[in-house]
Amino acid sequence: MSTPHLMTLGASGEMIAVIAVVGGIGIVLISILSGTIRRVYQTRERERTKREVAAYVAEGSMTPDEGERLIKADMPVWEKGRS
């Protein structure tokens, strides 16, 4: 005698598809979120470095040219021509 309330593996194919789609969307959202957080921290540290270099230049420990070279050394290629 068969029990109709039990799901068989063949009947759960729709559930597997739903789990796969939801899991895929979850992975994409986590990737986007982690990339955004990483970029925020990179920008924050880059600005912190600029403030520190500006302080060294202001106190006379470093020339403005040296400070500019330090700041541009960490800058991505596409940003080097902007400042």
C-alpha atoms as a PDB file:
ATOM      1  CA  MET A   1       0.000   0.000   0.000  1.00  0.00           C
ATOM      2  CA  SER A   2       1.431   3.369  -0.944  1.00  0.00           C
ATOM      3  CA  THR A   3       1.201   6.485   1.187  1.00  0.00           C
ATOM      4  CA  PRO A   4       0.399   9.553  -0.937  1.00  0.00           C
ATOM      5  CA  HIS A   5       1.471  12.074   1.710  1.00  0.00           C
ATOM      6  CA  LEU A   6       5.153  11.075   1.473  1.00  0.00           C
ATOM      7  CA  MET A   7       7.202  12.970  -1.106  1.00  0.00           C
ATOM      8  CA  THR A   8       9.358  10.947  -3.404  1.00  0.00           C
ATOM      9  CA  LEU A   9      12.598  12.159  -4.897  1.00  0.00           C
ATOM     10  CA  GLY A  10      10.923  12.727  -8.266  1.00  0.00           C
ATOM     11  CA  ALA A  11       8.191  14.840  -6.728  1.00  0.00           C
ATOM     12  CA  SER A  12      10.654  17.064  -4.918  1.00  0.00           C
ATOM     13  CA  GLY A  13      12.257  18.327  -8.140  1.00  0.00           C
ATOM     14  CA  GLU A  14      10.334  21.581  -7.904  1.00  0.00           C
ATOM     15  CA  MET A  15      11.563  22.090  -4.357  1.00  0.00           C
ATOM     16  CA  ILE A  16      15.163  21.512  -5.431  1.00  0.00           C
ATOM     17  CA  ALA A  17      14.750  24.111  -8.178  1.00  0.00           C
ATOM     18  CA  VAL A  18      13.356  26.650  -5.696  1.00  0.00           C
ATOM     19  CA  ILE A  19      16.205  25.991  -3.270  1.00  0.00           C
ATOM     20  CA  ALA A  20      18.757  26.373  -6.090  1.00  0.00           C
ATOM     21  CA  VAL A  21      17.299  29.704  -7.239  1.00  0.00           C
ATOM     22  CA  VAL A  22      17.026  31.100  -3.705  1.00  0.00           C
ATOM     23  CA  GLY A  23      20.564  29.903  -2.920  1.00  0.00           C
ATOM     24  CA  GLY A  24      21.913  31.502  -6.092  1.00  0.00           C
ATOM     25  CA  ILE A  25      20.237  34.816  -5.304  1.00  0.00           C
ATOM     26  CA  GLY A  26      21.607  34.621  -1.755  1.00  0.00           C
ATOM     27  CA  ILE A  27      25.156  34.062  -3.012  1.00  0.00           C
ATOM     28  CA  VAL A  28      24.857  37.015  -5.414  1.00  0.00           C
ATOM     29  CA  LEU A  29      23.566  39.311  -2.654  1.00  0.00           C
ATOM     30  CA  ILE A  30      26.339  38.268  -0.267  1.00  0.00           C
ATOM     31  CA  SER A  31      28.936  38.866  -2.999  1.00  0.00           C
ATOM     32  CA  ILE A  32      27.602  42.342  -3.742  1.00  0.00           C
ATOM     33  CA  LEU A  33      27.477  43.223  -0.051  1.00  0.00           C
ATOM     34  CA  SER A  34      30.998  41.984   0.668  1.00  0.00           C
ATOM     35  CA  GLY A  35      32.372  43.830  -2.380  1.00  0.00           C
ATOM     36  CA  THR A  36      30.717  47.040  -1.242  1.00  0.00           C
ATOM     37  CA  ILE A  37      32.092  46.697   2.290  1.00  0.00           C
ATOM     38  CA  ARG A  38      35.581  45.986   0.903  1.00  0.00           C
ATOM     39  CA  ARG A  39      35.467  49.093  -1.294  1.00  0.00           C
ATOM     40  CA  VAL A  40      34.285  51.273   1.614  1.00  0.00           C
ATOM     41  CA  TYR A  41      37.216  50.114   3.758  1.00  0.00           C
ATOM     42  CA  GLN A  42      39.680  50.694   0.906  1.00  0.00           C
ATOM     43  CA  THR A  43      38.393  54.222   0.377  1.00  0.00           C
ATOM     44  CA  ARG A  44      38.451  54.941   4.109  1.00  0.00           C
ATOM     45  CA  GLU A  45      42.074  53.783   4.425  1.00  0.00           C
ATOM     46  CA  ARG A  46      43.127  55.736   1.326  1.00  0.00           C
ATOM     47  CA  GLU A  47      41.643  58.927   2.793  1.00  0.00           C
ATOM     48  CA  ARG A  48      43.316  58.220   6.128  1.00  0.00           C
ATOM     49  CA  THR A  49      46.660  57.892   4.344  1.00  0.00           C
ATOM     50  CA  LYS A  50      46.094  61.211   2.564  1.00  0.00           C
ATOM     51  CA  ARG A  51      45.408  62.937   5.900  1.00  0.00           C
ATOM     52  CA  GLU A  52      48.539  61.449   7.462  1.00  0.00           C
ATOM     53  CA  VAL A  53      50.716  62.493   4.523  1.00  0.00           C
ATOM     54  CA  ALA A  54      49.207  65.984   4.654  1.00  0.00           C
ATOM     55  CA  ALA A  55      50.100  66.169   8.344  1.00  0.00           C
ATOM     56  CA  TYR A  56      53.705  65.162   7.631  1.00  0.00           C
ATOM     57  CA  VAL A  57      53.936  67.791   4.883  1.00  0.00           C
ATOM     58  CA  ALA A  58      52.440  70.428   7.187  1.00  0.00           C
ATOM     59  CA  GLU A  59      54.947  69.731   9.947  1.00  0.00           C
ATOM     60  CA  GLY A  60      57.840  69.802   7.478  1.00  0.00           C
ATOM     61  CA  SER A  61      58.930  66.155   7.815  1.00  0.00           C
ATOM     62  CA  MET A  62      58.195  65.589   4.146  1.00  0.00           C
ATOM     63  CA  THR A  63      58.202  67.744   1.044  1.00  0.00           C
ATOM     64  CA  PRO A  64      54.990  68.176  -0.934  1.00  0.00           C
ATOM     65  CA  ASP A  65      56.558  66.304  -3.861  1.00  0.00           C
ATOM     66  CA  GLU A  66      57.370  63.310  -1.658  1.00  0.00           C
ATOM     67  CA  GLY A  67      53.831  63.343  -0.296  1.00  0.00           C
ATOM     68  CA  GLU A  68      52.350  63.440  -3.768  1.00  0.00           C
ATOM     69  CA  ARG A  69      54.505  60.500  -4.868  1.00  0.00           C
ATOM     70  CA  LEU A  70      53.392  58.478  -1.821  1.00  0.00           C
ATOM     71  CA  ILE A  71      49.735  59.165  -2.433  1.00  0.00           C
ATOM     72  CA  LYS A  72      49.943  58.363  -6.136  1.00  0.00           C
ATOM     73  CA  ALA A  73      51.840  55.123  -5.454  1.00  0.00           C
ATOM     74  CA  ASP A  74      48.730  53.598  -3.862  1.00  0.00           C
ATOM     75  CA  MET A  75      46.279  55.075  -6.363  1.00  0.00           C
ATOM     76  CA  PRO A  76      44.657  52.853  -9.006  1.00  0.00           C
ATOM     77  CA  VAL A  77      45.808  53.503 -12.565  1.00  0.00           C
ATOM     78  CA  TRP A  78      42.472  55.006 -13.654  1.00  0.00           C
ATOM     79  CA  GLU A  79      42.635  57.619 -10.860  1.00  0.00           C
ATOM     80  CA  LYS A  80      46.238  58.787 -11.282  1.00  0.00           C
ATOM     81  CA  GLY A  81      45.429  61.408 -13.916  1.00  0.00           C
ATOM     82  CA  ARG A  82      42.506  62.945 -11.989  1.00  0.00           C
ATOM     83  CA  SER A  83      44.271  64.763  -9.157  1.00  0.00           C
END
